[in-house]
Amino acid sequence: MALLESLRRDAARVVLMTVLALSLSLNVFLGWKVSARGGALEPDRLAVGSRVAPLSVTAGGTSAPTELRFDEGLPTVMYVLSPDCHWCRRNENNIRTLAERSPGFRFIGLTSSTAPSGDARPALPFPVYTLSPADLKRNALKIRGTPEMIVVGGDGTVTRVWAGAFAGDTEDEIEAFFKVDLPGLRPDEARKAG
């Protein structure tokens, strides 16, 4: 009986030591990955200072591709949205106000889909283009979600990137950058209805 109890304790110690060794190995591996990525576990984002290559897009209902260039002098604000994105809808007043009060910038919208399910595409005061399947597949702008806003200088280099709806610190940074007061997010329709 004592021998059996001793074997169980030894087996439990071996299992515990194995789990600890695996945990330590995993932590070392993840630390190496973070170090190799420059301190971030997230997928790479379009970095400030990087150049934006021309994009192949289609405009409102046409099937003929158009090339969007970003090195032609006027800074460009690319607002990436999805037709079914809840936060894009809540952020509509903010992006509309920003575009209307920032005359020194060219605003363009980018989406992956030509038509939302259900309601119509938002009426924004700038053109909204559909990214080509090739640019979507290679994730040319390194988009991780919507909404996302990318400011590209007139020389084609990225100057700012903001992910998510304009709220909290993001809203403050955008207001300071563009010197514009934003109206804030629209109320959440799901909460209003409930």
N, C-alpha and C. Protein backbone atom coordinates (compact mmCIF):
# COMPACT_ATOMS: atom_id res chain seq x y z
N MET A 1 0.82 -1.18 0.00
CA MET A 1 0.00 0.00 0.00
C MET A 1 0.87 1.26 0.00
N ALA A 2 1.90 1.28 0.85
CA ALA A 2 2.78 2.44 0.94
C ALA A 2 3.53 2.63 -0.38
N LEU A 3 3.90 1.50 -1.02
CA LEU A 3 4.59 1.58 -2.31
C LEU A 3 3.68 2.18 -3.37
N LEU A 4 2.43 1.79 -3.39
CA LEU A 4 1.46 2.32 -4.35
C LEU A 4 1.25 3.82 -4.13
N GLU A 5 1.15 4.24 -2.88
CA GLU A 5 0.98 5.66 -2.56
C GLU A 5 2.23 6.44 -2.98
N SER A 6 3.38 5.90 -2.79
CA SER A 6 4.63 6.54 -3.19
C SER A 6 4.70 6.69 -4.71
N LEU A 7 4.28 5.66 -5.42
CA LEU A 7 4.28 5.72 -6.89
C LEU A 7 3.30 6.79 -7.39
N ARG A 8 2.14 6.92 -6.77
CA ARG A 8 1.17 7.95 -7.16
C ARG A 8 1.74 9.34 -6.95
N ARG A 9 2.40 9.57 -5.80
CA ARG A 9 3.01 10.88 -5.55
C ARG A 9 4.10 11.18 -6.57
N ASP A 10 4.91 10.17 -6.86
CA ASP A 10 5.97 10.37 -7.86
C ASP A 10 5.38 10.67 -9.24
N ALA A 11 4.32 9.96 -9.62
CA ALA A 11 3.67 10.19 -10.91
C ALA A 11 3.08 11.60 -10.96
N ALA A 12 2.46 12.05 -9.87
CA ALA A 12 1.88 13.39 -9.81
C ALA A 12 2.99 14.44 -9.95
N ARG A 13 4.13 14.20 -9.33
CA ARG A 13 5.26 15.14 -9.43
C ARG A 13 5.80 15.18 -10.87
N VAL A 14 5.87 14.04 -11.51
CA VAL A 14 6.35 13.99 -12.89
C VAL A 14 5.39 14.75 -13.81
N VAL A 15 4.09 14.54 -13.62
CA VAL A 15 3.10 15.25 -14.43
C VAL A 15 3.21 16.75 -14.18
N LEU A 16 3.30 17.17 -12.93
CA LEU A 16 3.42 18.58 -12.60
C LEU A 16 4.68 19.19 -13.21
N MET A 17 5.80 18.50 -13.10
CA MET A 17 7.05 19.00 -13.67
C MET A 17 6.96 19.09 -15.19
N THR A 18 6.30 18.14 -15.82
CA THR A 18 6.14 18.16 -17.28
C THR A 18 5.29 19.35 -17.70
N VAL A 19 4.19 19.59 -17.00
CA VAL A 19 3.32 20.72 -17.31
C VAL A 19 4.08 22.03 -17.11
N LEU A 20 4.83 22.15 -16.04
CA LEU A 20 5.61 23.37 -15.80
C LEU A 20 6.67 23.58 -16.89
N ALA A 21 7.32 22.50 -17.31
CA ALA A 21 8.32 22.61 -18.37
C ALA A 21 7.68 23.04 -19.69
N LEU A 22 6.50 22.49 -20.01
CA LEU A 22 5.80 22.90 -21.22
C LEU A 22 5.38 24.36 -21.15
N SER A 23 4.89 24.79 -19.99
CA SER A 23 4.48 26.17 -19.81
C SER A 23 5.67 27.12 -19.98
N LEU A 24 6.78 26.77 -19.37
CA LEU A 24 7.98 27.59 -19.51
C LEU A 24 8.43 27.65 -20.97
N SER A 25 8.40 26.53 -21.66
CA SER A 25 8.79 26.49 -23.07
C SER A 25 7.88 27.37 -23.91
N LEU A 26 6.57 27.31 -23.66
CA LEU A 26 5.62 28.12 -24.39
C LEU A 26 5.85 29.61 -24.12
N ASN A 27 6.10 29.98 -22.89
CA ASN A 27 6.39 31.37 -22.56
C ASN A 27 7.65 31.88 -23.24
N VAL A 28 8.68 31.07 -23.28
CA VAL A 28 9.92 31.46 -23.96
C VAL A 28 9.65 31.64 -25.46
N PHE A 29 8.89 30.72 -26.04
CA PHE A 29 8.56 30.81 -27.46
C PHE A 29 7.76 32.08 -27.75
N LEU A 30 6.73 32.37 -26.94
CA LEU A 30 5.92 33.57 -27.15
C LEU A 30 6.75 34.84 -26.94
N GLY A 31 7.64 34.83 -25.98
CA GLY A 31 8.54 35.97 -25.78
C GLY A 31 9.42 36.19 -27.00
N TRP A 32 9.89 35.13 -27.58
CA TRP A 32 10.70 35.22 -28.80
C TRP A 32 9.87 35.80 -29.94
N LYS A 33 8.60 35.37 -30.08
CA LYS A 33 7.72 35.88 -31.14
C LYS A 33 7.46 37.38 -30.94
N VAL A 34 7.21 37.79 -29.71
CA VAL A 34 6.98 39.21 -29.43
C VAL A 34 8.22 40.01 -29.79
N SER A 35 9.37 39.52 -29.39
CA SER A 35 10.62 40.20 -29.70
C SER A 35 10.85 40.30 -31.21
N ALA A 36 10.57 39.23 -31.93
CA ALA A 36 10.76 39.21 -33.38
C ALA A 36 9.81 40.17 -34.09
N ARG A 37 8.64 40.44 -33.51
CA ARG A 37 7.66 41.35 -34.11
C ARG A 37 7.84 42.78 -33.62
N GLY A 38 8.88 43.06 -32.91
CA GLY A 38 9.09 44.41 -32.41
C GLY A 38 8.21 44.75 -31.23
N GLY A 39 7.84 43.76 -30.45
CA GLY A 39 7.08 44.00 -29.24
C GLY A 39 5.58 43.86 -29.35
N ALA A 40 5.06 43.31 -30.44
CA ALA A 40 3.61 43.20 -30.58
C ALA A 40 3.20 41.81 -31.00
N LEU A 41 2.19 41.27 -30.33
CA LEU A 41 1.65 39.98 -30.72
C LEU A 41 0.61 40.12 -31.83
N GLU A 42 0.07 41.33 -32.01
CA GLU A 42 -0.95 41.56 -33.01
C GLU A 42 -0.36 41.44 -34.41
N PRO A 43 -1.21 41.10 -35.39
CA PRO A 43 -0.72 41.11 -36.77
C PRO A 43 -0.24 42.51 -37.13
N ASP A 44 0.72 42.59 -38.01
CA ASP A 44 1.27 43.89 -38.40
C ASP A 44 0.18 44.80 -38.93
N ARG A 45 0.28 46.06 -38.59
CA ARG A 45 -0.57 47.12 -39.11
C ARG A 45 0.23 47.93 -40.09
N LEU A 46 -0.45 48.66 -40.90
CA LEU A 46 0.22 49.58 -41.80
C LEU A 46 0.97 50.58 -40.92
N ALA A 47 2.26 50.64 -41.05
CA ALA A 47 3.09 51.45 -40.15
C ALA A 47 3.19 52.89 -40.63
N VAL A 48 3.22 53.80 -39.68
CA VAL A 48 3.46 55.21 -39.99
C VAL A 48 4.82 55.29 -40.68
N GLY A 49 4.85 56.02 -41.78
CA GLY A 49 6.08 56.15 -42.56
C GLY A 49 6.17 55.19 -43.73
N SER A 50 5.32 54.17 -43.76
CA SER A 50 5.36 53.22 -44.89
C SER A 50 4.66 53.84 -46.10
N ARG A 51 5.03 53.38 -47.27
CA ARG A 51 4.45 53.88 -48.52
C ARG A 51 3.22 53.06 -48.87
N VAL A 52 2.22 53.73 -49.41
CA VAL A 52 1.00 53.05 -49.85
C VAL A 52 1.04 52.93 -51.36
N ALA A 53 1.01 51.71 -51.84
CA ALA A 53 1.00 51.45 -53.27
C ALA A 53 -0.37 51.79 -53.84
N PRO A 54 -0.45 52.09 -55.12
CA PRO A 54 -1.76 52.33 -55.72
C PRO A 54 -2.67 51.12 -55.50
N LEU A 55 -3.97 51.39 -55.35
CA LEU A 55 -4.95 50.34 -55.12
C LEU A 55 -5.87 50.23 -56.32
N SER A 56 -6.27 49.02 -56.64
CA SER A 56 -7.24 48.78 -57.69
C SER A 56 -8.62 48.71 -57.04
N VAL A 57 -9.51 49.61 -57.47
CA VAL A 57 -10.85 49.71 -56.88
C VAL A 57 -11.89 49.83 -57.97
N THR A 58 -13.14 49.62 -57.58
CA THR A 58 -14.25 49.93 -58.47
C THR A 58 -15.13 50.95 -57.78
N ALA A 59 -15.76 51.79 -58.60
CA ALA A 59 -16.60 52.85 -58.05
C ALA A 59 -18.06 52.50 -58.24
N GLY A 60 -18.87 52.86 -57.24
CA GLY A 60 -20.31 52.72 -57.22
C GLY A 60 -20.99 52.01 -58.36
N GLY A 61 -21.04 50.71 -58.32
CA GLY A 61 -21.81 49.93 -59.28
C GLY A 61 -21.10 49.63 -60.58
N THR A 62 -19.94 50.24 -60.85
CA THR A 62 -19.24 49.92 -62.09
C THR A 62 -18.38 48.69 -61.87
N SER A 63 -18.06 48.02 -62.95
CA SER A 63 -17.18 46.86 -62.82
C SER A 63 -15.78 47.15 -63.34
N ALA A 64 -15.61 48.31 -63.98
CA ALA A 64 -14.29 48.67 -64.50
C ALA A 64 -13.40 49.15 -63.35
N PRO A 65 -12.24 48.52 -63.18
CA PRO A 65 -11.35 48.95 -62.09
C PRO A 65 -10.73 50.32 -62.36
N THR A 66 -10.49 51.02 -61.28
CA THR A 66 -9.83 52.32 -61.29
C THR A 66 -8.63 52.22 -60.37
N GLU A 67 -7.56 52.92 -60.69
CA GLU A 67 -6.40 52.92 -59.81
C GLU A 67 -6.42 54.16 -58.94
N LEU A 68 -6.36 53.95 -57.63
CA LEU A 68 -6.25 55.06 -56.68
C LEU A 68 -4.78 55.26 -56.35
N ARG A 69 -4.31 56.47 -56.54
CA ARG A 69 -2.92 56.80 -56.22
C ARG A 69 -2.91 57.73 -55.01
N PHE A 70 -1.82 57.70 -54.27
CA PHE A 70 -1.73 58.47 -53.04
C PHE A 70 -0.53 59.41 -53.00
N ASP A 71 0.16 59.53 -54.12
CA ASP A 71 1.38 60.35 -54.15
C ASP A 71 1.21 61.56 -55.08
N GLU A 72 0.01 62.14 -55.08
CA GLU A 72 -0.28 63.21 -56.02
C GLU A 72 -0.49 64.57 -55.35
N GLY A 73 0.07 64.76 -54.15
CA GLY A 73 0.06 66.08 -53.53
C GLY A 73 -0.90 66.28 -52.38
N LEU A 74 -2.18 66.00 -52.52
CA LEU A 74 -3.15 66.24 -51.46
C LEU A 74 -3.20 65.06 -50.50
N PRO A 75 -3.10 65.32 -49.19
CA PRO A 75 -3.20 64.21 -48.24
C PRO A 75 -4.56 63.51 -48.37
N THR A 76 -4.55 62.20 -48.20
CA THR A 76 -5.76 61.40 -48.35
C THR A 76 -6.12 60.74 -47.03
N VAL A 77 -7.40 60.77 -46.71
CA VAL A 77 -7.93 60.05 -45.56
C VAL A 77 -8.72 58.88 -46.12
N MET A 78 -8.24 57.67 -45.85
CA MET A 78 -8.95 56.46 -46.27
C MET A 78 -9.76 55.97 -45.08
N TYR A 79 -11.06 55.90 -45.26
CA TYR A 79 -11.94 55.39 -44.21
C TYR A 79 -12.42 54.02 -44.67
N VAL A 80 -11.99 52.99 -43.97
CA VAL A 80 -12.34 51.61 -44.34
C VAL A 80 -13.55 51.19 -43.52
N LEU A 81 -14.61 50.79 -44.23
CA LEU A 81 -15.85 50.41 -43.58
C LEU A 81 -16.40 49.13 -44.18
N SER A 82 -17.31 48.53 -43.47
CA SER A 82 -18.02 47.35 -43.95
C SER A 82 -19.51 47.66 -43.94
N PRO A 83 -20.23 47.23 -44.96
CA PRO A 83 -21.65 47.53 -45.02
C PRO A 83 -22.44 47.04 -43.81
N ASP A 84 -22.08 45.94 -43.23
CA ASP A 84 -22.82 45.38 -42.10
C ASP A 84 -22.18 45.68 -40.75
N CYS A 85 -21.23 46.60 -40.71
CA CYS A 85 -20.49 46.89 -39.48
C CYS A 85 -21.29 47.79 -38.55
N HIS A 86 -21.61 47.28 -37.39
CA HIS A 86 -22.36 48.01 -36.37
C HIS A 86 -21.63 49.30 -35.98
N TRP A 87 -20.33 49.19 -35.73
CA TRP A 87 -19.55 50.37 -35.30
C TRP A 87 -19.39 51.37 -36.42
N CYS A 88 -19.38 50.92 -37.67
CA CYS A 88 -19.32 51.86 -38.79
C CYS A 88 -20.59 52.71 -38.83
N ARG A 89 -21.73 52.09 -38.60
CA ARG A 89 -23.00 52.83 -38.57
C ARG A 89 -23.01 53.83 -37.41
N ARG A 90 -22.56 53.40 -36.25
CA ARG A 90 -22.54 54.29 -35.08
C ARG A 90 -21.56 55.45 -35.27
N ASN A 91 -20.54 55.24 -36.10
CA ASN A 91 -19.48 56.24 -36.32
C ASN A 91 -19.79 57.18 -37.49
N GLU A 92 -20.91 56.95 -38.21
CA GLU A 92 -21.24 57.72 -39.41
C GLU A 92 -21.21 59.23 -39.21
N ASN A 93 -21.84 59.73 -38.15
CA ASN A 93 -21.87 61.19 -37.91
C ASN A 93 -20.46 61.74 -37.71
N ASN A 94 -19.60 60.97 -37.05
CA ASN A 94 -18.23 61.43 -36.83
C ASN A 94 -17.46 61.56 -38.14
N ILE A 95 -17.50 60.53 -38.98
CA ILE A 95 -16.72 60.58 -40.23
C ILE A 95 -17.32 61.61 -41.18
N ARG A 96 -18.62 61.74 -41.19
CA ARG A 96 -19.27 62.76 -42.03
C ARG A 96 -18.82 64.16 -41.60
N THR A 97 -18.87 64.44 -40.30
CA THR A 97 -18.45 65.74 -39.77
C THR A 97 -16.98 66.00 -40.07
N LEU A 98 -16.16 64.99 -39.87
CA LEU A 98 -14.73 65.13 -40.13
C LEU A 98 -14.47 65.50 -41.59
N ALA A 99 -15.12 64.80 -42.51
CA ALA A 99 -14.92 65.06 -43.94
C ALA A 99 -15.40 66.46 -44.32
N GLU A 100 -16.53 66.87 -43.76
CA GLU A 100 -17.10 68.17 -44.11
C GLU A 100 -16.29 69.34 -43.54
N ARG A 101 -15.55 69.11 -42.45
CA ARG A 101 -14.82 70.21 -41.79
C ARG A 101 -13.30 70.13 -41.97
N SER A 102 -12.85 69.29 -42.89
CA SER A 102 -11.40 69.13 -43.11
C SER A 102 -11.08 69.35 -44.58
N PRO A 103 -11.13 70.60 -45.06
CA PRO A 103 -10.97 70.86 -46.49
C PRO A 103 -9.58 70.56 -47.05
N GLY A 104 -8.58 70.44 -46.23
CA GLY A 104 -7.22 70.20 -46.72
C GLY A 104 -6.92 68.74 -47.01
N PHE A 105 -7.96 67.88 -46.98
CA PHE A 105 -7.76 66.45 -47.18
C PHE A 105 -8.73 65.91 -48.22
N ARG A 106 -8.28 64.93 -48.97
CA ARG A 106 -9.16 64.16 -49.86
C ARG A 106 -9.65 62.97 -49.06
N PHE A 107 -10.94 62.80 -48.94
CA PHE A 107 -11.53 61.67 -48.22
C PHE A 107 -12.03 60.65 -49.22
N ILE A 108 -11.74 59.39 -48.94
CA ILE A 108 -12.29 58.29 -49.73
C ILE A 108 -12.70 57.17 -48.79
N GLY A 109 -13.75 56.48 -49.14
CA GLY A 109 -14.17 55.31 -48.39
C GLY A 109 -13.74 54.06 -49.14
N LEU A 110 -13.40 53.04 -48.40
CA LEU A 110 -13.02 51.75 -48.98
C LEU A 110 -13.83 50.66 -48.30
N THR A 111 -14.33 49.75 -49.09
CA THR A 111 -15.09 48.63 -48.55
C THR A 111 -14.76 47.37 -49.36
N SER A 112 -15.14 46.24 -48.83
CA SER A 112 -14.90 44.98 -49.52
C SER A 112 -16.13 44.49 -50.25
N SER A 113 -17.25 45.16 -50.05
CA SER A 113 -18.50 44.68 -50.60
C SER A 113 -19.28 45.82 -51.23
N THR A 114 -19.97 45.53 -52.31
CA THR A 114 -20.71 46.58 -53.01
C THR A 114 -22.05 46.89 -52.38
N ALA A 115 -22.64 45.96 -51.67
CA ALA A 115 -23.96 46.22 -51.11
C ALA A 115 -24.10 45.57 -49.75
N PRO A 116 -24.61 46.31 -48.79
CA PRO A 116 -24.85 45.71 -47.48
C PRO A 116 -26.08 44.82 -47.52
N SER A 117 -26.19 43.94 -46.56
CA SER A 117 -27.42 43.17 -46.48
C SER A 117 -28.42 44.01 -45.71
N GLY A 118 -29.58 44.17 -46.24
CA GLY A 118 -30.59 44.97 -45.56
C GLY A 118 -30.60 46.40 -46.04
N ASP A 119 -30.05 47.32 -45.24
CA ASP A 119 -30.17 48.73 -45.57
C ASP A 119 -29.14 49.20 -46.59
N ALA A 120 -29.37 50.42 -47.08
CA ALA A 120 -28.52 50.99 -48.13
C ALA A 120 -27.16 51.39 -47.57
N ARG A 121 -26.21 51.50 -48.49
CA ARG A 121 -24.86 51.98 -48.15
C ARG A 121 -24.98 53.39 -47.57
N PRO A 122 -24.18 53.73 -46.56
CA PRO A 122 -24.31 55.05 -45.95
C PRO A 122 -24.06 56.17 -46.96
N ALA A 123 -24.79 57.25 -46.81
CA ALA A 123 -24.61 58.42 -47.67
C ALA A 123 -23.51 59.28 -47.06
N LEU A 124 -22.31 59.10 -47.54
CA LEU A 124 -21.17 59.85 -47.02
C LEU A 124 -20.80 60.95 -48.01
N PRO A 125 -20.19 62.03 -47.54
CA PRO A 125 -19.85 63.16 -48.42
C PRO A 125 -18.55 62.95 -49.19
N PHE A 126 -18.23 61.71 -49.49
CA PHE A 126 -17.04 61.38 -50.28
C PHE A 126 -17.30 60.05 -50.99
N PRO A 127 -16.53 59.78 -52.04
CA PRO A 127 -16.76 58.52 -52.78
C PRO A 127 -16.35 57.30 -51.95
N VAL A 128 -17.12 56.24 -52.09
CA VAL A 128 -16.80 54.97 -51.43
C VAL A 128 -16.51 53.97 -52.54
N TYR A 129 -15.30 53.42 -52.51
CA TYR A 129 -14.85 52.47 -53.52
C TYR A 129 -14.83 51.05 -52.95
N THR A 130 -14.94 50.10 -53.85
CA THR A 130 -14.81 48.70 -53.47
C THR A 130 -13.41 48.22 -53.84
N LEU A 131 -12.72 47.66 -52.87
CA LEU A 131 -11.37 47.14 -53.13
C LEU A 131 -11.44 45.95 -54.06
N SER A 132 -10.43 45.81 -54.90
CA SER A 132 -10.38 44.66 -55.80
C SER A 132 -10.16 43.38 -54.99
N PRO A 133 -10.64 42.26 -55.51
CA PRO A 133 -10.41 40.99 -54.81
C PRO A 133 -8.91 40.72 -54.57
N ALA A 134 -8.06 41.13 -55.51
CA ALA A 134 -6.62 40.90 -55.35
C ALA A 134 -6.06 41.70 -54.17
N ASP A 135 -6.45 43.00 -54.08
CA ASP A 135 -5.98 43.82 -52.97
C ASP A 135 -6.55 43.34 -51.64
N LEU A 136 -7.79 42.85 -51.68
CA LEU A 136 -8.38 42.28 -50.46
C LEU A 136 -7.62 41.04 -50.02
N LYS A 137 -7.34 40.17 -50.98
CA LYS A 137 -6.67 38.91 -50.66
C LYS A 137 -5.29 39.13 -50.07
N ARG A 138 -4.56 40.06 -50.64
CA ARG A 138 -3.21 40.31 -50.11
C ARG A 138 -3.24 41.30 -48.95
N ASN A 139 -4.44 41.79 -48.61
CA ASN A 139 -4.63 42.74 -47.51
C ASN A 139 -3.62 43.88 -47.64
N ALA A 140 -3.69 44.55 -48.78
CA ALA A 140 -2.73 45.60 -49.13
C ALA A 140 -2.60 46.67 -48.06
N LEU A 141 -3.68 46.96 -47.33
CA LEU A 141 -3.64 48.00 -46.31
C LEU A 141 -3.50 47.43 -44.91
N LYS A 142 -3.34 46.12 -44.80
CA LYS A 142 -3.18 45.43 -43.51
C LYS A 142 -4.34 45.75 -42.57
N ILE A 143 -5.52 45.74 -43.11
CA ILE A 143 -6.73 46.03 -42.33
C ILE A 143 -7.09 44.82 -41.49
N ARG A 144 -7.37 45.06 -40.21
CA ARG A 144 -7.75 43.97 -39.31
C ARG A 144 -9.22 44.01 -38.96
N GLY A 145 -9.85 45.15 -39.14
CA GLY A 145 -11.26 45.28 -38.80
C GLY A 145 -11.78 46.62 -39.26
N THR A 146 -13.06 46.83 -39.11
CA THR A 146 -13.66 48.10 -39.50
C THR A 146 -14.45 48.66 -38.33
N PRO A 147 -14.55 49.97 -38.27
CA PRO A 147 -13.94 50.95 -39.15
C PRO A 147 -12.46 51.14 -38.84
N GLU A 148 -11.74 51.58 -39.84
CA GLU A 148 -10.33 51.94 -39.67
C GLU A 148 -10.07 53.15 -40.54
N MET A 149 -9.27 54.08 -40.05
CA MET A 149 -8.96 55.28 -40.79
C MET A 149 -7.45 55.41 -40.93
N ILE A 150 -7.02 55.64 -42.18
CA ILE A 150 -5.60 55.76 -42.50
C ILE A 150 -5.39 57.11 -43.18
N VAL A 151 -4.47 57.90 -42.65
CA VAL A 151 -4.14 59.18 -43.26
C VAL A 151 -2.82 59.01 -44.00
N VAL A 152 -2.86 59.35 -45.30
CA VAL A 152 -1.68 59.22 -46.15
C VAL A 152 -1.28 60.61 -46.63
N GLY A 153 -0.04 60.97 -46.40
CA GLY A 153 0.46 62.27 -46.83
C GLY A 153 0.47 62.38 -48.35
N GLY A 154 0.62 63.59 -48.85
CA GLY A 154 0.63 63.83 -50.28
C GLY A 154 1.76 63.15 -51.03
N ASP A 155 2.74 62.64 -50.30
CA ASP A 155 3.85 61.93 -50.93
C ASP A 155 3.63 60.42 -50.93
N GLY A 156 2.47 59.97 -50.42
CA GLY A 156 2.16 58.54 -50.43
C GLY A 156 2.60 57.78 -49.19
N THR A 157 3.03 58.49 -48.14
CA THR A 157 3.44 57.80 -46.92
C THR A 157 2.38 57.94 -45.84
N VAL A 158 2.23 56.91 -45.04
CA VAL A 158 1.25 56.89 -43.98
C VAL A 158 1.69 57.83 -42.87
N THR A 159 0.77 58.71 -42.43
CA THR A 159 1.08 59.61 -41.32
C THR A 159 0.35 59.22 -40.04
N ARG A 160 -0.84 58.62 -40.14
CA ARG A 160 -1.59 58.18 -38.97
C ARG A 160 -2.48 57.00 -39.32
N VAL A 161 -2.75 56.16 -38.32
CA VAL A 161 -3.69 55.04 -38.46
C VAL A 161 -4.49 54.96 -37.16
N TRP A 162 -5.82 54.95 -37.31
CA TRP A 162 -6.70 54.76 -36.15
C TRP A 162 -7.63 53.59 -36.44
N ALA A 163 -7.73 52.67 -35.50
CA ALA A 163 -8.63 51.52 -35.65
C ALA A 163 -9.81 51.71 -34.72
N GLY A 164 -10.98 51.33 -35.21
CA GLY A 164 -12.18 51.38 -34.40
C GLY A 164 -12.95 52.67 -34.56
N ALA A 165 -14.11 52.71 -33.91
CA ALA A 165 -14.96 53.90 -33.95
C ALA A 165 -14.28 55.03 -33.18
N PHE A 166 -14.69 56.24 -33.47
CA PHE A 166 -14.08 57.42 -32.88
C PHE A 166 -14.67 57.65 -31.49
N ALA A 167 -14.09 57.05 -30.49
CA ALA A 167 -14.53 57.19 -29.10
C ALA A 167 -13.31 57.22 -28.18
N GLY A 168 -13.47 57.80 -27.00
CA GLY A 168 -12.40 57.81 -26.01
C GLY A 168 -11.15 58.50 -26.51
N ASP A 169 -10.00 57.86 -26.26
CA ASP A 169 -8.71 58.43 -26.67
C ASP A 169 -8.62 58.60 -28.18
N THR A 170 -9.20 57.66 -28.92
CA THR A 170 -9.16 57.76 -30.38
C THR A 170 -9.87 59.04 -30.84
N GLU A 171 -11.03 59.31 -30.28
CA GLU A 171 -11.77 60.53 -30.63
C GLU A 171 -10.93 61.77 -30.30
N ASP A 172 -10.32 61.78 -29.13
CA ASP A 172 -9.49 62.92 -28.72
C ASP A 172 -8.32 63.13 -29.68
N GLU A 173 -7.66 62.05 -30.06
CA GLU A 173 -6.52 62.15 -30.98
C GLU A 173 -6.95 62.67 -32.35
N ILE A 174 -8.08 62.17 -32.85
CA ILE A 174 -8.57 62.60 -34.16
C ILE A 174 -8.96 64.07 -34.13
N GLU A 175 -9.66 64.48 -33.08
CA GLU A 175 -10.04 65.89 -32.96
C GLU A 175 -8.81 66.79 -32.92
N ALA A 176 -7.79 66.39 -32.18
CA ALA A 176 -6.56 67.19 -32.10
C ALA A 176 -5.83 67.22 -33.44
N PHE A 177 -5.74 66.09 -34.11
CA PHE A 177 -5.03 66.01 -35.38
C PHE A 177 -5.68 66.88 -36.45
N PHE A 178 -7.02 66.79 -36.57
CA PHE A 178 -7.74 67.52 -37.61
C PHE A 178 -8.25 68.89 -37.13
N LYS A 179 -8.13 69.18 -35.82
CA LYS A 179 -8.63 70.43 -35.24
C LYS A 179 -10.12 70.60 -35.53
N VAL A 180 -10.87 69.52 -35.22
CA VAL A 180 -12.32 69.47 -35.47
C VAL A 180 -12.99 68.86 -34.24
N ASP A 181 -14.12 69.43 -33.83
CA ASP A 181 -14.92 68.81 -32.77
C ASP A 181 -15.89 67.83 -33.40
N LEU A 182 -15.88 66.59 -32.91
CA LEU A 182 -16.75 65.55 -33.45
C LEU A 182 -18.02 65.42 -32.61
N PRO A 183 -19.13 65.01 -33.23
CA PRO A 183 -20.40 64.91 -32.49
C PRO A 183 -20.50 63.69 -31.58
N GLY A 184 -19.63 62.71 -31.75
CA GLY A 184 -19.70 61.49 -30.95
C GLY A 184 -20.45 60.39 -31.69
N LEU A 185 -20.47 59.22 -31.08
CA LEU A 185 -21.12 58.06 -31.70
C LEU A 185 -22.63 58.19 -31.64
N ARG A 186 -23.27 57.67 -32.69
CA ARG A 186 -24.74 57.57 -32.66
C ARG A 186 -25.12 56.57 -31.59
N PRO A 187 -26.30 56.74 -30.99
CA PRO A 187 -26.73 55.75 -29.99
C PRO A 187 -26.80 54.36 -30.60
N ASP A 188 -26.60 53.38 -29.76
CA ASP A 188 -26.65 51.99 -30.17
C ASP A 188 -28.10 51.59 -30.39
N GLU A 189 -28.48 51.33 -31.66
CA GLU A 189 -29.85 50.98 -32.00
C GLU A 189 -30.33 49.74 -31.26
N ALA A 190 -29.46 48.79 -31.05
CA ALA A 190 -29.85 47.55 -30.38
C ALA A 190 -30.28 47.84 -28.94
N ARG A 191 -29.58 48.74 -28.27
CA ARG A 191 -29.92 49.08 -26.89
C ARG A 191 -31.17 49.94 -26.84
N LYS A 192 -31.31 50.85 -27.83
CA LYS A 192 -32.50 51.70 -27.87
C LYS A 192 -33.76 50.86 -28.07
N ALA A 193 -33.66 49.86 -28.94
CA ALA A 193 -34.84 49.04 -29.26
C ALA A 193 -35.23 48.16 -28.08
N GLY A 194 -34.26 47.78 -27.24
CA GLY A 194 -34.54 46.85 -26.14
C GLY A 194 -34.98 47.51 -24.94
